[in-house]
Amino acid sequence: MDRRDFFKMGSLTLSMPFLIRGAFAQEKKEQLPRLNLEDLPQKETEDAVVYHCDFPQESRFHAMLTNMRNHLSAYDFDPFRIKLILVANGAGVKFFMRTHKGTRWEKEKIDLKRAEERLSYLSQFEVEFYICDITIRSLKLKYENFFDFVKIVPSGVGSVGRLQTNGFGYIKVL
């Protein structure tokens, strides 16, 4: 082995960890679950209701979450007796985001930490949260900015309609 071969071998050996790391690197961020309209649940409990959030008012959003908690309490928070799903589209998606940086809501004073705590609490009772993909794409929002417990549906209003067809009642807080 001549001197050139020795240096080539040495540089290849030293670069191996970087090559291996690059070859096996996987994106650590998991993607949000996506549902098709055909995959949406059927009514299988005593009571099954879809709550619809397409409004921008934070006080109205929290009133809806209080109504959902009260709804669950009427069934002793038993997910075998009641199933609640919240579908958000339009301005309603802003309550399901970790940050509003770079969005149209960046200057609004919305308590996202409080929203996340309350939504997380409801998710303990198998409440599901569906976010409209049409809204996400049309407003150029980043999927990674949404809370981990949300699911993406192709269309918010399409999902509301499908859930009603599947036996869910409909509630919209005014």
C-alpha atoms as a PDB file:
ATOM      1  CA  MET A   1       0.000   0.000   0.000  1.00  0.00           C
ATOM      2  CA  ASP A   2       1.499   3.297  -1.013  1.00  0.00           C
ATOM      3  CA  ARG A   3       1.166   6.594   0.835  1.00  0.00           C
ATOM      4  CA  ARG A   4      -1.806   7.835  -1.293  1.00  0.00           C
ATOM      5  CA  ASP A   5      -3.778   4.662  -0.631  1.00  0.00           C
ATOM      6  CA  PHE A   6      -3.022   4.986   3.048  1.00  0.00           C
ATOM      7  CA  PHE A   7      -4.456   8.534   3.177  1.00  0.00           C
ATOM      8  CA  LYS A   8      -7.529   7.549   1.111  1.00  0.00           C
ATOM      9  CA  MET A   9      -8.188   4.668   3.477  1.00  0.00           C
ATOM     10  CA  GLY A  10      -7.727   6.939   6.497  1.00  0.00           C
ATOM     11  CA  SER A  11     -10.108   9.632   5.220  1.00  0.00           C
ATOM     12  CA  LEU A  12     -12.695   7.000   4.320  1.00  0.00           C
ATOM     13  CA  THR A  13     -12.408   5.471   7.800  1.00  0.00           C
ATOM     14  CA  LEU A  14     -12.770   8.855   9.489  1.00  0.00           C
ATOM     15  CA  SER A  15     -15.817   9.778   7.396  1.00  0.00           C
ATOM     16  CA  MET A  16     -17.640   6.463   8.031  1.00  0.00           C
ATOM     17  CA  PRO A  17     -19.544   7.624  11.138  1.00  0.00           C
ATOM     18  CA  PHE A  18     -20.945  10.593   9.197  1.00  0.00           C
ATOM     19  CA  LEU A  19     -21.906   8.449   6.219  1.00  0.00           C
ATOM     20  CA  ILE A  20     -23.586   5.847   8.389  1.00  0.00           C
ATOM     21  CA  ARG A  21     -25.475   8.474  10.431  1.00  0.00           C
ATOM     22  CA  GLY A  22     -26.741  10.113   7.229  1.00  0.00           C
ATOM     23  CA  ALA A  23     -27.776   6.806   5.666  1.00  0.00           C
ATOM     24  CA  PHE A  24     -29.784   5.683   8.671  1.00  0.00           C
ATOM     25  CA  ALA A  25     -31.099   9.029   9.862  1.00  0.00           C
ATOM     26  CA  GLN A  26     -34.840   9.106  10.174  1.00  0.00           C
ATOM     27  CA  GLU A  27     -36.997  12.070  10.882  1.00  0.00           C
ATOM     28  CA  LYS A  28     -37.845  11.859  14.574  1.00  0.00           C
ATOM     29  CA  LYS A  29     -41.062  13.875  14.310  1.00  0.00           C
ATOM     30  CA  GLU A  30     -44.005  11.573  13.901  1.00  0.00           C
ATOM     31  CA  GLN A  31     -46.710  12.589  11.494  1.00  0.00           C
ATOM     32  CA  LEU A  32     -50.194  13.314  12.729  1.00  0.00           C
ATOM     33  CA  PRO A  33     -52.673  10.501  12.100  1.00  0.00           C
ATOM     34  CA  ARG A  34     -54.802  10.960   8.995  1.00  0.00           C
ATOM     35  CA  LEU A  35     -58.291   9.597   8.498  1.00  0.00           C
ATOM     36  CA  ASN A  36     -60.348   9.182   5.359  1.00  0.00           C
ATOM     37  CA  LEU A  37     -64.055   9.932   5.542  1.00  0.00           C
ATOM     38  CA  GLU A  38     -64.708   6.194   5.197  1.00  0.00           C
ATOM     39  CA  ASP A  39     -62.585   5.576   8.330  1.00  0.00           C
ATOM     40  CA  LEU A  40     -64.642   7.814  10.624  1.00  0.00           C
ATOM     41  CA  PRO A  41     -66.322   5.970  13.497  1.00  0.00           C
ATOM     42  CA  GLN A  42     -69.875   4.719  13.603  1.00  0.00           C
ATOM     43  CA  LYS A  43     -72.084   5.355  16.608  1.00  0.00           C
ATOM     44  CA  GLU A  44     -71.364   2.492  19.033  1.00  0.00           C
ATOM     45  CA  THR A  45     -72.302   4.067  22.382  1.00  0.00           C
ATOM     46  CA  GLU A  46     -75.506   5.269  24.056  1.00  0.00           C
ATOM     47  CA  ASP A  47     -74.688   8.789  22.999  1.00  0.00           C
ATOM     48  CA  ALA A  48     -72.381   9.928  20.198  1.00  0.00           C
ATOM     49  CA  VAL A  49     -71.995  13.596  19.341  1.00  0.00           C
ATOM     50  CA  VAL A  50     -69.820  15.683  17.055  1.00  0.00           C
ATOM     51  CA  TYR A  51     -69.052  19.203  18.261  1.00  0.00           C
ATOM     52  CA  HIS A  52     -68.238  21.645  15.472  1.00  0.00           C
ATOM     53  CA  CYS A  53     -65.664  24.432  15.923  1.00  0.00           C
ATOM     54  CA  ASP A  54     -65.305  26.854  13.014  1.00  0.00           C
ATOM     55  CA  PHE A  55     -65.368  30.101  14.977  1.00  0.00           C
ATOM     56  CA  PRO A  56     -62.576  32.453  16.120  1.00  0.00           C
ATOM     57  CA  GLN A  57     -63.758  33.513  19.602  1.00  0.00           C
ATOM     58  CA  GLU A  58     -61.649  32.084  22.434  1.00  0.00           C
ATOM     59  CA  SER A  59     -64.438  32.527  25.012  1.00  0.00           C
ATOM     60  CA  ARG A  60     -66.819  30.566  22.787  1.00  0.00           C
ATOM     61  CA  PHE A  61     -64.189  27.830  22.361  1.00  0.00           C
ATOM     62  CA  HIS A  62     -63.788  27.450  26.131  1.00  0.00           C
ATOM     63  CA  ALA A  63     -67.570  27.480  26.594  1.00  0.00           C
ATOM     64  CA  MET A  64     -67.713  24.569  24.134  1.00  0.00           C
ATOM     65  CA  LEU A  65     -65.043  22.656  26.089  1.00  0.00           C
ATOM     66  CA  THR A  66     -67.017  23.233  29.296  1.00  0.00           C
ATOM     67  CA  ASN A  67     -70.138  21.905  27.571  1.00  0.00           C
ATOM     68  CA  MET A  68     -68.200  18.848  26.443  1.00  0.00           C
ATOM     69  CA  ARG A  69     -66.930  18.202  29.985  1.00  0.00           C
ATOM     70  CA  ASN A  70     -70.484  18.567  31.323  1.00  0.00           C
ATOM     71  CA  HIS A  71     -71.741  16.241  28.593  1.00  0.00           C
ATOM     72  CA  LEU A  72     -69.196  13.612  29.650  1.00  0.00           C
ATOM     73  CA  SER A  73     -70.109  14.051  33.315  1.00  0.00           C
ATOM     74  CA  ALA A  74     -73.727  13.133  32.565  1.00  0.00           C
ATOM     75  CA  TYR A  75     -72.361   9.691  31.587  1.00  0.00           C
ATOM     76  CA  ASP A  76     -69.893   9.461  34.490  1.00  0.00           C
ATOM     77  CA  PHE A  77     -67.013  10.101  32.038  1.00  0.00           C
ATOM     78  CA  ASP A  78     -67.513   6.538  30.763  1.00  0.00           C
ATOM     79  CA  PRO A  79     -66.247   6.214  27.158  1.00  0.00           C
ATOM     80  CA  PHE A  80     -68.258   2.999  26.787  1.00  0.00           C
ATOM     81  CA  ARG A  81     -71.451   5.038  27.209  1.00  0.00           C
ATOM     82  CA  ILE A  82     -70.582   8.241  25.344  1.00  0.00           C
ATOM     83  CA  LYS A  83     -68.380   9.184  22.392  1.00  0.00           C
ATOM     84  CA  LEU A  84     -67.524  12.815  21.645  1.00  0.00           C
ATOM     85  CA  ILE A  85     -65.624  14.103  18.639  1.00  0.00           C
ATOM     86  CA  LEU A  86     -64.656  17.707  18.017  1.00  0.00           C
ATOM     87  CA  VAL A  87     -64.162  18.743  14.389  1.00  0.00           C
ATOM     88  CA  ALA A  88     -62.363  22.030  13.703  1.00  0.00           C
ATOM     89  CA  ASN A  89     -62.120  23.883  10.424  1.00  0.00           C
ATOM     90  CA  GLY A  90     -61.624  27.492   9.379  1.00  0.00           C
ATOM     91  CA  ALA A  91     -60.649  29.800  12.241  1.00  0.00           C
ATOM     92  CA  GLY A  92     -61.413  27.022  14.745  1.00  0.00           C
ATOM     93  CA  VAL A  93     -58.141  25.230  13.987  1.00  0.00           C
ATOM     94  CA  LYS A  94     -56.136  27.951  15.752  1.00  0.00           C
ATOM     95  CA  PHE A  95     -57.042  26.506  19.168  1.00  0.00           C
ATOM     96  CA  PHE A  96     -55.258  23.227  18.350  1.00  0.00           C
ATOM     97  CA  MET A  97     -51.836  24.707  17.626  1.00  0.00           C
ATOM     98  CA  ARG A  98     -48.697  24.923  19.777  1.00  0.00           C
ATOM     99  CA  THR A  99     -47.737  28.247  18.257  1.00  0.00           C
ATOM    100  CA  HIS A 100     -49.215  30.859  15.967  1.00  0.00           C
ATOM    101  CA  LYS A 101     -45.843  32.147  14.813  1.00  0.00           C
ATOM    102  CA  GLY A 102     -45.993  32.855  11.095  1.00  0.00           C
ATOM    103  CA  THR A 103     -49.798  32.562  10.922  1.00  0.00           C
ATOM    104  CA  ARG A 104     -52.588  35.084  10.565  1.00  0.00           C
ATOM    105  CA  TRP A 105     -53.199  34.712  14.327  1.00  0.00           C
ATOM    106  CA  GLU A 106     -49.644  35.590  15.376  1.00  0.00           C
ATOM    107  CA  LYS A 107     -50.657  38.880  17.054  1.00  0.00           C
ATOM    108  CA  GLU A 108     -53.727  37.486  18.835  1.00  0.00           C
ATOM    109  CA  LYS A 109     -53.442  36.903  22.570  1.00  0.00           C
ATOM    110  CA  ILE A 110     -54.752  33.336  22.751  1.00  0.00           C
ATOM    111  CA  ASP A 111     -53.880  31.185  25.753  1.00  0.00           C
ATOM    112  CA  LEU A 112     -52.685  28.093  23.867  1.00  0.00           C
ATOM    113  CA  LYS A 113     -51.329  26.482  27.026  1.00  0.00           C
ATOM    114  CA  ARG A 114     -54.792  26.584  28.612  1.00  0.00           C
ATOM    115  CA  ALA A 115     -56.362  25.237  25.419  1.00  0.00           C
ATOM    116  CA  GLU A 116     -53.872  22.362  25.299  1.00  0.00           C
ATOM    117  CA  GLU A 117     -54.458  21.486  28.970  1.00  0.00           C
ATOM    118  CA  ARG A 118     -58.233  21.422  28.556  1.00  0.00           C
ATOM    119  CA  LEU A 119     -58.114  19.447  25.313  1.00  0.00           C
ATOM    120  CA  SER A 120     -55.630  16.999  26.806  1.00  0.00           C
ATOM    121  CA  TYR A 121     -57.956  16.517  29.782  1.00  0.00           C
ATOM    122  CA  LEU A 122     -60.868  15.673  27.463  1.00  0.00           C
ATOM    123  CA  SER A 123     -58.719  13.261  25.467  1.00  0.00           C
ATOM    124  CA  GLN A 124     -58.361  11.123  28.626  1.00  0.00           C
ATOM    125  CA  PHE A 125     -62.015  10.178  28.100  1.00  0.00           C
ATOM    126  CA  GLU A 126     -61.400   9.172  24.466  1.00  0.00           C
ATOM    127  CA  VAL A 127     -62.634  12.448  23.015  1.00  0.00           C
ATOM    128  CA  GLU A 128     -61.112  12.776  19.557  1.00  0.00           C
ATOM    129  CA  PHE A 129     -60.100  15.966  17.759  1.00  0.00           C
ATOM    130  CA  TYR A 130     -60.258  16.169  13.968  1.00  0.00           C
ATOM    131  CA  ILE A 131     -58.643  19.040  12.071  1.00  0.00           C
ATOM    132  CA  CYS A 132     -59.540  19.965   8.483  1.00  0.00           C
ATOM    133  CA  ASP A 133     -56.731  19.394   6.001  1.00  0.00           C
ATOM    134  CA  ILE A 134     -58.277  21.820   3.512  1.00  0.00           C
ATOM    135  CA  THR A 135     -57.946  24.578   6.134  1.00  0.00           C
ATOM    136  CA  ILE A 136     -54.354  23.596   6.960  1.00  0.00           C
ATOM    137  CA  ARG A 137     -53.319  23.665   3.318  1.00  0.00           C
ATOM    138  CA  SER A 138     -55.253  26.789   2.312  1.00  0.00           C
ATOM    139  CA  LEU A 139     -53.823  28.789   5.254  1.00  0.00           C
ATOM    140  CA  LYS A 140     -50.354  27.258   4.689  1.00  0.00           C
ATOM    141  CA  LEU A 141     -50.141  26.046   8.297  1.00  0.00           C
ATOM    142  CA  LYS A 142     -47.443  23.633   9.429  1.00  0.00           C
ATOM    143  CA  TYR A 143     -48.603  20.187  10.539  1.00  0.00           C
ATOM    144  CA  GLU A 144     -45.879  20.074  13.188  1.00  0.00           C
ATOM    145  CA  ASN A 145     -47.447  23.101  14.914  1.00  0.00           C
ATOM    146  CA  PHE A 146     -50.536  21.104  15.896  1.00  0.00           C
ATOM    147  CA  PHE A 147     -50.926  19.233  19.171  1.00  0.00           C
ATOM    148  CA  ASP A 148     -49.896  15.583  18.945  1.00  0.00           C
ATOM    149  CA  PHE A 149     -53.326  14.265  19.895  1.00  0.00           C
ATOM    150  CA  VAL A 150     -55.192  15.695  16.873  1.00  0.00           C
ATOM    151  CA  LYS A 151     -56.042  13.755  13.735  1.00  0.00           C
ATOM    152  CA  ILE A 152     -56.204  15.185  10.242  1.00  0.00           C
ATOM    153  CA  VAL A 153     -59.336  14.688   8.141  1.00  0.00           C
ATOM    154  CA  PRO A 154     -59.648  15.611   4.455  1.00  0.00           C
ATOM    155  CA  SER A 155     -62.515  18.042   5.055  1.00  0.00           C
ATOM    156  CA  GLY A 156     -63.950  19.393   8.312  1.00  0.00           C
ATOM    157  CA  VAL A 157     -67.493  19.855   7.040  1.00  0.00           C
ATOM    158  CA  GLY A 158     -67.281  16.589   5.105  1.00  0.00           C
ATOM    159  CA  SER A 159     -66.349  14.848   8.362  1.00  0.00           C
ATOM    160  CA  VAL A 160     -69.202  16.488  10.252  1.00  0.00           C
ATOM    161  CA  GLY A 161     -71.630  15.276   7.585  1.00  0.00           C
ATOM    162  CA  ARG A 162     -70.189  11.755   7.570  1.00  0.00           C
ATOM    163  CA  LEU A 163     -70.325  11.505  11.364  1.00  0.00           C
ATOM    164  CA  GLN A 164     -73.981  12.564  11.297  1.00  0.00           C
ATOM    165  CA  THR A 165     -74.655   9.906   8.656  1.00  0.00           C
ATOM    166  CA  ASN A 166     -72.873   7.436  10.975  1.00  0.00           C
ATOM    167  CA  GLY A 167     -75.323   8.205  13.806  1.00  0.00           C
ATOM    168  CA  PHE A 168     -73.623  11.089  15.640  1.00  0.00           C
ATOM    169  CA  GLY A 169     -75.680  14.027  16.816  1.00  0.00           C
ATOM    170  CA  TYR A 170     -74.498  17.562  16.041  1.00  0.00           C
ATOM    171  CA  ILE A 171     -73.777  20.401  18.473  1.00  0.00           C
ATOM    172  CA  LYS A 172     -72.417  23.844  17.709  1.00  0.00           C
ATOM    173  CA  VAL A 173     -71.976  26.281  20.574  1.00  0.00           C
ATOM    174  CA  LEU A 174     -73.366  29.702  19.736  1.00  0.00           C
END
